[in-house]
Structures are given as structure tokens and as C-alpha cells.
Amino acid sequence: MEEPSLYNSPEYEAFKQKLRKIIGLDLNSYKNQIHRRVHMLRDRWNVKTYDDYFSMIKNDDKKLREFLDYLTINVSEFFRNDKQWWKLRDQLLPELVKKRGTRRLKLWSAGCATGEEPYSLAILSAVCGLEASVPVLACDIDQGALAIAQKGTYLKRQLLNAPPDYLHKYFTTSDGGETYQINSEIKRRITWKRFNMIDDSFGTGFDVILCRNVVIYFTMETKAALYAKFYNALAPGGYFLVGSTEQIFEYKKIGFESAGPFLYTKK
């Protein structure tokens, strides 16, 4: 199916370029699903021109937050797809500690949104006895999402997959148990960074990288380039976890080996 002519108009191209300059988001790297949502929100706001649409997003922080949230780039919860997390806790992290001969592991949450994923990872690093002196790296392009993440305050519904003993040990509650606050021990285990995974260079030597439910929004060409960058960022023997609806079809061509469902390793 061809792209709707609306997505190729000069006015929309100019809108995308201006948007990239202020928030670093390259909409040309995303599939039509995202472009549909951009235009659905424009209709919902009853905005007639792209210039007016851009002005609303640029000049109103609430509108910018709504715009990004409507694209569903920042949807998450603690221990999402919990079987992957328990495999990480019970098998992968202990295996890496034994193999590396150290508890100083480099962990990265790429596309961390509002913090649920890196906090989940930091909790498991504490549970597995990893050294807090090597904090989890938590990156996202959205400065607003990072600001929310650093507050560390969440609703009960975002923690449905968290074991009760984790809730008791690593959170404090308020509002009659409806709001949960991450404690300082876990906060100290994270370094936050604004990061554009398309344009910015990746680090190296990571033992575990999580990039879950982020790459699914990108075009095939952008996906391939990002997977190669993630491969190069991994240390030998490290693990790359993707979301439960994702699959790297040409993982062998990149150099990955399959280590289970939605899990890849670098030999």
C-alpha cells in the first residue's frame, strides 16, 4: 500500500523538520502507524495548518507531552512481560556474574520512557547483588519523560507485575496505597541521559541491553541500522532483550545468536 499523499506533502515535510529541531524526533524513521497518529491528533485538536500545529507543540509543554504520549512512545509498566524479567533475574544475571568474575555489570535501558523499565532493571541489580557503583544507564529522547522518571512516583496499576516483597522493600506508599515512590537505594542505581538512538553514538562493553517496544515503530531500514549498533555496543557474551512482539529476522546476518524468545546474545 502506498503512503497517503498527505504524508508526503511539502507542508508535512516542513513540519517534521521543525519538530526534529526542537525535540530531536525524526518522524521519517517511523512507520505509517506513527504518521497516522500525528494526523489523528491534529484532527482532535482541530488544527487547520501544520504551522499552527507546530506552534502548539513548541509553545505549550502540556501539548508536547500529549503529542508524545499519543504516539504511544512512552507506554510502559514495571516488569512488563514478567517471564523475561524473571529469566534475567534467575538465569542471565547470575550467569554473567559467574562468567565475568565480577558483580560490576553494565546494564542499559534504551528508550526508557517514564522509568518503569530501568527501575525494574535496577531492582533486579539489587536483588542479584550487583554493585551499585556501576549504575544502570537509562536513556530516552524525551526530556519530559525523563523528568517524570526521575521523580520515581507511580500508580498502583503500573506495578501489578511487581512481587509483593519488592513493593515492600523498594517503595514507599501514599494515598492509601494507590501511589508508590521508588526509594533512594534504587534511585542511586540509575544514571539518566537524554539520548537520540538514531543520531547519537552508542557506548560499548554492555553486559545487558534492553530495548523493548521501541524499535517496532521504526522503518525496516532504521531497525536494521539500530540492531547493528546494539550488537556493536554489547560485550562478548552479553545479552540483548527486545519486546514480546518483536523479532530480529536477520539476527544471524548481524552477528547475534538466539538465546531464547525475544533474547539474543553476542558470542
C-alpha atoms as a PDB file:
ATOM      1  CA  MET A   1       0.000   0.000   0.000  1.00  0.00           C
ATOM      2  CA  GLU A   2       1.350   3.415  -0.935  1.00  0.00           C
ATOM      3  CA  GLU A   3       1.746   6.143   1.639  1.00  0.00           C
ATOM      4  CA  PRO A   4      -1.140   8.595   1.677  1.00  0.00           C
ATOM      5  CA  SER A   5      -0.226  11.722  -0.254  1.00  0.00           C
ATOM      6  CA  LEU A   6      -0.867  13.670   2.947  1.00  0.00           C
ATOM      7  CA  TYR A   7       2.262  12.107   4.493  1.00  0.00           C
ATOM      8  CA  ASN A   8       4.385  13.271   1.537  1.00  0.00           C
ATOM      9  CA  SER A   9       3.153  16.845   1.297  1.00  0.00           C
ATOM     10  CA  PRO A  10       5.719  19.689   1.423  1.00  0.00           C
ATOM     11  CA  GLU A  11       3.873  21.181   4.406  1.00  0.00           C
ATOM     12  CA  TYR A  12       4.174  17.956   6.387  1.00  0.00           C
ATOM     13  CA  GLU A  13       7.847  17.627   5.432  1.00  0.00           C
ATOM     14  CA  ALA A  14       8.492  21.126   6.781  1.00  0.00           C
ATOM     15  CA  PHE A  15       6.565  20.278   9.975  1.00  0.00           C
ATOM     16  CA  LYS A  16       8.695  17.165  10.530  1.00  0.00           C
ATOM     17  CA  GLN A  17      11.930  19.066  10.015  1.00  0.00           C
ATOM     18  CA  LYS A  18      10.965  21.779  12.505  1.00  0.00           C
ATOM     19  CA  LEU A  19       9.813  19.173  15.001  1.00  0.00           C
ATOM     20  CA  ARG A  20      13.134  17.361  14.789  1.00  0.00           C
ATOM     21  CA  LYS A  21      14.997  20.565  15.592  1.00  0.00           C
ATOM     22  CA  ILE A  22      13.159  21.143  18.866  1.00  0.00           C
ATOM     23  CA  ILE A  23      12.810  17.574  20.219  1.00  0.00           C
ATOM     24  CA  GLY A  24      15.236  15.506  18.129  1.00  0.00           C
ATOM     25  CA  LEU A  25      12.495  13.155  16.941  1.00  0.00           C
ATOM     26  CA  ASP A  26      12.905  12.079  13.308  1.00  0.00           C
ATOM     27  CA  LEU A  27       9.439  11.056  12.175  1.00  0.00           C
ATOM     28  CA  ASN A  28      10.858   9.903   8.824  1.00  0.00           C
ATOM     29  CA  SER A  29      12.368   6.924  10.665  1.00  0.00           C
ATOM     30  CA  TYR A  30       8.937   5.744  11.809  1.00  0.00           C
ATOM     31  CA  LYS A  31       6.324   3.607  10.100  1.00  0.00           C
ATOM     32  CA  ASN A  32       2.968   4.892   8.805  1.00  0.00           C
ATOM     33  CA  GLN A  33       1.338   3.913  12.095  1.00  0.00           C
ATOM     34  CA  ILE A  34       3.022   6.880  13.760  1.00  0.00           C
ATOM     35  CA  HIS A  35       2.187   9.283  10.918  1.00  0.00           C
ATOM     36  CA  ARG A  36      -1.482   8.303  11.204  1.00  0.00           C
ATOM     37  CA  ARG A  37      -1.443   9.151  14.890  1.00  0.00           C
ATOM     38  CA  VAL A  38       0.214  12.514  14.198  1.00  0.00           C
ATOM     39  CA  HIS A  39      -2.667  13.426  11.912  1.00  0.00           C
ATOM     40  CA  MET A  40      -5.360  11.951  14.149  1.00  0.00           C
ATOM     41  CA  LEU A  41      -4.180  14.179  16.986  1.00  0.00           C
ATOM     42  CA  ARG A  42      -4.113  17.181  14.664  1.00  0.00           C
ATOM     43  CA  ASP A  43      -7.764  16.477  13.836  1.00  0.00           C
ATOM     44  CA  ARG A  44      -8.626  16.021  17.512  1.00  0.00           C
ATOM     45  CA  TRP A  45      -7.092  19.407  18.320  1.00  0.00           C
ATOM     46  CA  ASN A  46      -8.950  20.894  15.351  1.00  0.00           C
ATOM     47  CA  VAL A  47      -5.778  22.497  13.992  1.00  0.00           C
ATOM     48  CA  LYS A  48      -6.027  23.667  10.387  1.00  0.00           C
ATOM     49  CA  THR A  49      -2.378  24.170   9.397  1.00  0.00           C
ATOM     50  CA  TYR A  50       0.923  22.476  10.174  1.00  0.00           C
ATOM     51  CA  ASP A  51       2.360  25.825  11.257  1.00  0.00           C
ATOM     52  CA  ASP A  52      -0.323  26.157  13.921  1.00  0.00           C
ATOM     53  CA  TYR A  53       0.167  22.517  14.910  1.00  0.00           C
ATOM     54  CA  PHE A  54       3.908  23.054  15.366  1.00  0.00           C
ATOM     55  CA  SER A  55       3.374  26.265  17.340  1.00  0.00           C
ATOM     56  CA  MET A  56       1.070  24.491  19.788  1.00  0.00           C
ATOM     57  CA  ILE A  57       3.605  21.715  20.365  1.00  0.00           C
ATOM     58  CA  LYS A  58       6.559  24.101  20.656  1.00  0.00           C
ATOM     59  CA  ASN A  59       4.966  26.673  22.969  1.00  0.00           C
ATOM     60  CA  ASP A  60       2.853  24.506  25.285  1.00  0.00           C
ATOM     61  CA  ASP A  61       4.591  21.857  27.390  1.00  0.00           C
ATOM     62  CA  LYS A  62       1.290  20.104  28.064  1.00  0.00           C
ATOM     63  CA  LYS A  63       0.587  19.873  24.346  1.00  0.00           C
ATOM     64  CA  LEU A  64       4.069  18.483  23.746  1.00  0.00           C
ATOM     65  CA  ARG A  65       3.511  15.880  26.464  1.00  0.00           C
ATOM     66  CA  GLU A  66       0.140  14.938  24.952  1.00  0.00           C
ATOM     67  CA  PHE A  67       1.678  14.755  21.469  1.00  0.00           C
ATOM     68  CA  LEU A  68       4.424  12.343  22.565  1.00  0.00           C
ATOM     69  CA  ASP A  69       2.080  10.247  24.688  1.00  0.00           C
ATOM     70  CA  TYR A  70      -0.415   9.971  21.836  1.00  0.00           C
ATOM     71  CA  LEU A  71       2.282   8.457  19.652  1.00  0.00           C
ATOM     72  CA  THR A  72       2.467   5.774  22.415  1.00  0.00           C
ATOM     73  CA  ILE A  73       6.247   6.028  22.507  1.00  0.00           C
ATOM     74  CA  ASN A  74       6.208   6.267  26.317  1.00  0.00           C
ATOM     75  CA  VAL A  75       3.856   3.447  27.355  1.00  0.00           C
ATOM     76  CA  SER A  76       5.317   1.092  29.961  1.00  0.00           C
ATOM     77  CA  GLU A  77       4.874  -0.625  33.326  1.00  0.00           C
ATOM     78  CA  PHE A  78       7.071  -2.344  35.872  1.00  0.00           C
ATOM     79  CA  PHE A  79       8.264  -5.843  34.931  1.00  0.00           C
ATOM     80  CA  ARG A  80       6.315  -5.770  31.686  1.00  0.00           C
ATOM     81  CA  ASN A  81       6.216  -9.283  30.171  1.00  0.00           C
ATOM     82  CA  ASP A  82       7.329 -10.643  33.513  1.00  0.00           C
ATOM     83  CA  LYS A  83       8.700 -14.010  32.311  1.00  0.00           C
ATOM     84  CA  GLN A  84      11.537 -12.175  30.587  1.00  0.00           C
ATOM     85  CA  TRP A  85      12.355 -10.357  33.810  1.00  0.00           C
ATOM     86  CA  TRP A  86      12.435 -13.495  35.938  1.00  0.00           C
ATOM     87  CA  LYS A  87      14.728 -15.182  33.402  1.00  0.00           C
ATOM     88  CA  LEU A  88      17.007 -12.166  33.667  1.00  0.00           C
ATOM     89  CA  ARG A  89      16.952 -12.378  37.478  1.00  0.00           C
ATOM     90  CA  ASP A  90      17.222 -16.146  37.898  1.00  0.00           C
ATOM     91  CA  GLN A  91      19.455 -17.108  34.976  1.00  0.00           C
ATOM     92  CA  LEU A  92      21.102 -14.390  32.912  1.00  0.00           C
ATOM     93  CA  LEU A  93      22.447 -12.016  35.571  1.00  0.00           C
ATOM     94  CA  PRO A  94      23.824 -14.819  37.812  1.00  0.00           C
ATOM     95  CA  GLU A  95      25.371 -16.426  34.716  1.00  0.00           C
ATOM     96  CA  LEU A  96      27.061 -13.159  33.727  1.00  0.00           C
ATOM     97  CA  VAL A  97      28.401 -12.600  37.249  1.00  0.00           C
ATOM     98  CA  LYS A  98      29.934 -16.077  37.214  1.00  0.00           C
ATOM     99  CA  LYS A  99      31.294 -15.724  33.679  1.00  0.00           C
ATOM    100  CA  ARG A 100      32.736 -12.233  34.220  1.00  0.00           C
ATOM    101  CA  GLY A 101      34.059 -12.972  37.695  1.00  0.00           C
ATOM    102  CA  THR A 102      32.667  -9.644  38.932  1.00  0.00           C
ATOM    103  CA  ARG A 103      29.455  -8.053  40.117  1.00  0.00           C
ATOM    104  CA  ARG A 104      30.242  -4.878  38.177  1.00  0.00           C
ATOM    105  CA  LEU A 105      27.947  -5.383  35.187  1.00  0.00           C
ATOM    106  CA  LYS A 106      26.987  -2.701  32.643  1.00  0.00           C
ATOM    107  CA  LEU A 107      23.215  -2.583  32.125  1.00  0.00           C
ATOM    108  CA  TRP A 108      21.363  -0.302  29.694  1.00  0.00           C
ATOM    109  CA  SER A 109      17.693   0.527  29.260  1.00  0.00           C
ATOM    110  CA  ALA A 110      17.491   2.110  25.792  1.00  0.00           C
ATOM    111  CA  GLY A 111      14.258   4.016  25.234  1.00  0.00           C
ATOM    112  CA  CYS A 112      13.445   4.072  28.933  1.00  0.00           C
ATOM    113  CA  ALA A 113      10.346   6.295  28.632  1.00  0.00           C
ATOM    114  CA  THR A 114       8.987   7.277  32.071  1.00  0.00           C
ATOM    115  CA  GLY A 115      11.294   4.979  34.019  1.00  0.00           C
ATOM    116  CA  GLU A 116       9.404   1.766  34.694  1.00  0.00           C
ATOM    117  CA  GLU A 117      11.905  -0.371  32.780  1.00  0.00           C
ATOM    118  CA  PRO A 118      15.187   0.971  34.207  1.00  0.00           C
ATOM    119  CA  TYR A 119      13.774   0.963  37.730  1.00  0.00           C
ATOM    120  CA  SER A 120      12.766  -2.672  37.189  1.00  0.00           C
ATOM    121  CA  LEU A 121      16.294  -3.375  35.982  1.00  0.00           C
ATOM    122  CA  ALA A 122      17.814  -1.521  38.950  1.00  0.00           C
ATOM    123  CA  ILE A 123      15.658  -3.529  41.358  1.00  0.00           C
ATOM    124  CA  LEU A 124      16.922  -6.777  39.831  1.00  0.00           C
ATOM    125  CA  SER A 125      20.501  -5.492  40.048  1.00  0.00           C
ATOM    126  CA  ALA A 126      19.935  -5.038  43.781  1.00  0.00           C
ATOM    127  CA  VAL A 127      18.226  -8.423  44.152  1.00  0.00           C
ATOM    128  CA  CYS A 128      21.144 -10.122  42.363  1.00  0.00           C
ATOM    129  CA  GLY A 129      23.735  -8.278  44.425  1.00  0.00           C
ATOM    130  CA  LEU A 130      25.287  -6.280  41.592  1.00  0.00           C
ATOM    131  CA  GLU A 131      27.496  -3.383  42.581  1.00  0.00           C
ATOM    132  CA  ALA A 132      25.651  -0.067  42.706  1.00  0.00           C
ATOM    133  CA  SER A 133      28.884   1.699  41.699  1.00  0.00           C
ATOM    134  CA  VAL A 134      28.060   0.795  38.084  1.00  0.00           C
ATOM    135  CA  PRO A 135      24.583   2.318  37.688  1.00  0.00           C
ATOM    136  CA  VAL A 136      22.019   1.262  35.124  1.00  0.00           C
ATOM    137  CA  LEU A 137      22.146   3.593  32.125  1.00  0.00           C
ATOM    138  CA  ALA A 138      18.633   4.864  31.322  1.00  0.00           C
ATOM    139  CA  CYS A 139      18.248   6.768  28.038  1.00  0.00           C
ATOM    140  CA  ASP A 140      15.398   8.377  26.176  1.00  0.00           C
ATOM    141  CA  ILE A 141      14.944  11.113  23.596  1.00  0.00           C
ATOM    142  CA  ASP A 142      12.055  12.693  25.512  1.00  0.00           C
ATOM    143  CA  GLN A 143      13.238  15.130  28.198  1.00  0.00           C
ATOM    144  CA  GLY A 144       9.730  15.317  29.648  1.00  0.00           C
ATOM    145  CA  ALA A 145       9.576  11.555  30.072  1.00  0.00           C
ATOM    146  CA  LEU A 146      12.982  11.575  31.768  1.00  0.00           C
ATOM    147  CA  ALA A 147      11.790  14.274  34.178  1.00  0.00           C
ATOM    148  CA  ILE A 148       8.818  12.089  35.131  1.00  0.00           C
ATOM    149  CA  ALA A 149      11.106   9.090  35.519  1.00  0.00           C
ATOM    150  CA  GLN A 150      13.499  10.856  37.853  1.00  0.00           C
ATOM    151  CA  LYS A 151      10.653  11.674  40.238  1.00  0.00           C
ATOM    152  CA  GLY A 152      10.082   7.947  40.687  1.00  0.00           C
ATOM    153  CA  THR A 153       6.383   8.194  41.539  1.00  0.00           C
ATOM    154  CA  TYR A 154       3.945   5.652  40.087  1.00  0.00           C
ATOM    155  CA  LEU A 155       0.381   4.449  40.392  1.00  0.00           C
ATOM    156  CA  LYS A 156      -0.551   1.056  41.786  1.00  0.00           C
ATOM    157  CA  ARG A 157      -1.799  -0.132  38.395  1.00  0.00           C
ATOM    158  CA  GLN A 158       1.717   0.310  36.954  1.00  0.00           C
ATOM    159  CA  LEU A 159       3.105  -2.182  39.483  1.00  0.00           C
ATOM    160  CA  LEU A 160       0.749  -5.132  39.072  1.00  0.00           C
ATOM    161  CA  ASN A 161       3.602  -7.444  37.984  1.00  0.00           C
ATOM    162  CA  ALA A 162       5.902  -6.490  40.862  1.00  0.00           C
ATOM    163  CA  PRO A 163       6.273  -9.167  43.577  1.00  0.00           C
ATOM    164  CA  PRO A 164       4.841  -8.027  46.924  1.00  0.00           C
ATOM    165  CA  ASP A 165       8.226  -8.278  48.649  1.00  0.00           C
ATOM    166  CA  TYR A 166       9.708  -5.890  46.065  1.00  0.00           C
ATOM    167  CA  LEU A 167       6.930  -3.400  46.736  1.00  0.00           C
ATOM    168  CA  HIS A 168       7.599  -3.592  50.463  1.00  0.00           C
ATOM    169  CA  LYS A 169      11.394  -3.329  50.194  1.00  0.00           C
ATOM    170  CA  TYR A 170      11.928  -0.842  47.388  1.00  0.00           C
ATOM    171  CA  PHE A 171       8.908   1.503  47.550  1.00  0.00           C
ATOM    172  CA  THR A 172       7.022   3.671  49.990  1.00  0.00           C
ATOM    173  CA  THR A 173       3.298   4.196  49.567  1.00  0.00           C
ATOM    174  CA  SER A 174       0.892   7.103  49.929  1.00  0.00           C
ATOM    175  CA  ASP A 175      -2.704   7.961  49.045  1.00  0.00           C
ATOM    176  CA  GLY A 176      -3.963   4.875  50.805  1.00  0.00           C
ATOM    177  CA  GLY A 177      -1.666   2.580  48.853  1.00  0.00           C
ATOM    178  CA  GLU A 178      -2.573   3.966  45.420  1.00  0.00           C
ATOM    179  CA  THR A 179       0.751   5.776  44.841  1.00  0.00           C
ATOM    180  CA  TYR A 180       4.226   4.261  45.084  1.00  0.00           C
ATOM    181  CA  GLN A 181       7.562   6.087  45.400  1.00  0.00           C
ATOM    182  CA  ILE A 182      10.878   4.455  44.475  1.00  0.00           C
ATOM    183  CA  ASN A 183      13.295   4.506  47.395  1.00  0.00           C
ATOM    184  CA  SER A 184      16.698   6.179  47.335  1.00  0.00           C
ATOM    185  CA  GLU A 185      18.665   2.917  47.136  1.00  0.00           C
ATOM    186  CA  ILE A 186      17.177   2.142  43.723  1.00  0.00           C
ATOM    187  CA  LYS A 187      17.390   5.738  42.509  1.00  0.00           C
ATOM    188  CA  ARG A 188      21.130   5.714  43.185  1.00  0.00           C
ATOM    189  CA  ARG A 189      21.480   2.728  40.886  1.00  0.00           C
ATOM    190  CA  ILE A 190      20.448   4.695  37.773  1.00  0.00           C
ATOM    191  CA  THR A 191      22.094   7.309  35.567  1.00  0.00           C
ATOM    192  CA  TRP A 192      19.639   9.207  33.363  1.00  0.00           C
ATOM    193  CA  LYS A 193      20.591  10.553  29.950  1.00  0.00           C
ATOM    194  CA  ARG A 194      18.782  12.247  27.090  1.00  0.00           C
ATOM    195  CA  PHE A 195      19.703  10.229  24.028  1.00  0.00           C
ATOM    196  CA  ASN A 196      18.734  10.011  20.368  1.00  0.00           C
ATOM    197  CA  MET A 197      19.382   6.405  19.377  1.00  0.00           C
ATOM    198  CA  ILE A 198      19.182   7.201  15.662  1.00  0.00           C
ATOM    199  CA  ASP A 199      21.744  10.005  15.617  1.00  0.00           C
ATOM    200  CA  ASP A 200      23.874   9.536  18.743  1.00  0.00           C
ATOM    201  CA  SER A 201      26.760   7.095  19.060  1.00  0.00           C
ATOM    202  CA  PHE A 202      26.374   4.101  21.364  1.00  0.00           C
ATOM    203  CA  GLY A 203      28.791   3.101  24.069  1.00  0.00           C
ATOM    204  CA  THR A 204      30.468  -0.309  24.232  1.00  0.00           C
ATOM    205  CA  GLY A 205      31.001  -3.156  26.642  1.00  0.00           C
ATOM    206  CA  PHE A 206      27.420  -3.570  27.855  1.00  0.00           C
ATOM    207  CA  ASP A 207      26.533  -6.869  29.511  1.00  0.00           C
ATOM    208  CA  VAL A 208      22.764  -6.454  29.123  1.00  0.00           C
ATOM    209  CA  ILE A 209      20.828  -4.095  26.855  1.00  0.00           C
ATOM    210  CA  LEU A 210      17.063  -3.767  26.968  1.00  0.00           C
ATOM    211  CA  CYS A 211      15.329  -2.082  24.039  1.00  0.00           C
ATOM    212  CA  ARG A 212      11.737  -3.252  24.262  1.00  0.00           C
ATOM    213  CA  ASN A 213       8.726  -1.950  22.342  1.00  0.00           C
ATOM    214  CA  VAL A 214      10.703   0.948  20.862  1.00  0.00           C
ATOM    215  CA  VAL A 215      12.168  -0.285  17.572  1.00  0.00           C
ATOM    216  CA  ILE A 216       8.760  -1.645  16.489  1.00  0.00           C
ATOM    217  CA  TYR A 217       7.759   1.882  15.489  1.00  0.00           C
ATOM    218  CA  PHE A 218      10.683   2.346  13.083  1.00  0.00           C
ATOM    219  CA  THR A 219      11.030   1.557   9.387  1.00  0.00           C
ATOM    220  CA  MET A 220      12.851  -1.622   8.320  1.00  0.00           C
ATOM    221  CA  GLU A 221      15.931   0.333   7.273  1.00  0.00           C
ATOM    222  CA  THR A 222      16.148   2.146  10.609  1.00  0.00           C
ATOM    223  CA  LYS A 223      15.587  -1.102  12.508  1.00  0.00           C
ATOM    224  CA  ALA A 224      18.477  -2.798  10.716  1.00  0.00           C
ATOM    225  CA  ALA A 225      20.831   0.079  11.458  1.00  0.00           C
ATOM    226  CA  LEU A 226      19.840   0.175  15.134  1.00  0.00           C
ATOM    227  CA  TYR A 227      20.187  -3.582  15.642  1.00  0.00           C
ATOM    228  CA  ALA A 228      23.729  -3.392  14.222  1.00  0.00           C
ATOM    229  CA  LYS A 229      24.529  -0.547  16.638  1.00  0.00           C
ATOM    230  CA  PHE A 230      23.176  -2.538  19.577  1.00  0.00           C
ATOM    231  CA  TYR A 231      25.242  -5.552  18.529  1.00  0.00           C
ATOM    232  CA  ASN A 232      28.396  -3.445  18.487  1.00  0.00           C
ATOM    233  CA  ALA A 233      27.523  -1.983  21.897  1.00  0.00           C
ATOM    234  CA  LEU A 234      27.345  -5.420  23.540  1.00  0.00           C
ATOM    235  CA  ALA A 235      30.320  -7.067  25.188  1.00  0.00           C
ATOM    236  CA  PRO A 236      31.009 -10.630  24.016  1.00  0.00           C
ATOM    237  CA  GLY A 237      28.661 -12.946  25.877  1.00  0.00           C
ATOM    238  CA  GLY A 238      26.261 -10.098  26.585  1.00  0.00           C
ATOM    239  CA  TYR A 239      22.501 -10.205  26.086  1.00  0.00           C
ATOM    240  CA  PHE A 240      20.105  -8.051  24.066  1.00  0.00           C
ATOM    241  CA  LEU A 241      16.425  -8.196  25.064  1.00  0.00           C
ATOM    242  CA  VAL A 242      13.612  -6.973  22.813  1.00  0.00           C
ATOM    243  CA  GLY A 243       9.868  -6.716  23.375  1.00  0.00           C
ATOM    244  CA  SER A 244       7.498  -9.677  23.319  1.00  0.00           C
ATOM    245  CA  THR A 245       6.043  -8.643  19.953  1.00  0.00           C
ATOM    246  CA  GLU A 246       9.459  -8.129  18.304  1.00  0.00           C
ATOM    247  CA  GLN A 247      11.717 -10.420  16.327  1.00  0.00           C
ATOM    248  CA  ILE A 248      15.031  -9.761  14.599  1.00  0.00           C
ATOM    249  CA  PHE A 249      14.562 -11.754  11.409  1.00  0.00           C
ATOM    250  CA  GLU A 250      18.152 -11.411  10.145  1.00  0.00           C
ATOM    251  CA  TYR A 251      19.855 -11.673  13.517  1.00  0.00           C
ATOM    252  CA  LYS A 252      22.481 -14.119  12.211  1.00  0.00           C
ATOM    253  CA  LYS A 253      23.495 -11.702   9.472  1.00  0.00           C
ATOM    254  CA  ILE A 254      24.149  -9.049  12.129  1.00  0.00           C
ATOM    255  CA  GLY A 255      26.157 -11.481  14.261  1.00  0.00           C
ATOM    256  CA  PHE A 256      23.648 -12.266  17.009  1.00  0.00           C
ATOM    257  CA  GLU A 257      22.801 -15.751  18.202  1.00  0.00           C
ATOM    258  CA  SER A 258      19.355 -16.605  19.532  1.00  0.00           C
ATOM    259  CA  ALA A 259      19.315 -17.235  23.292  1.00  0.00           C
ATOM    260  CA  GLY A 260      15.572 -17.773  23.611  1.00  0.00           C
ATOM    261  CA  PRO A 261      12.329 -15.969  22.757  1.00  0.00           C
ATOM    262  CA  PHE A 262      12.985 -12.251  22.198  1.00  0.00           C
ATOM    263  CA  LEU A 263      16.531 -12.705  23.504  1.00  0.00           C
ATOM    264  CA  TYR A 264      19.819 -12.505  21.609  1.00  0.00           C
ATOM    265  CA  THR A 265      23.462 -12.866  22.560  1.00  0.00           C
ATOM    266  CA  LYS A 266      26.836 -11.845  21.157  1.00  0.00           C
ATOM    267  CA  LYS A 267      29.384 -14.644  21.067  1.00  0.00           C
END
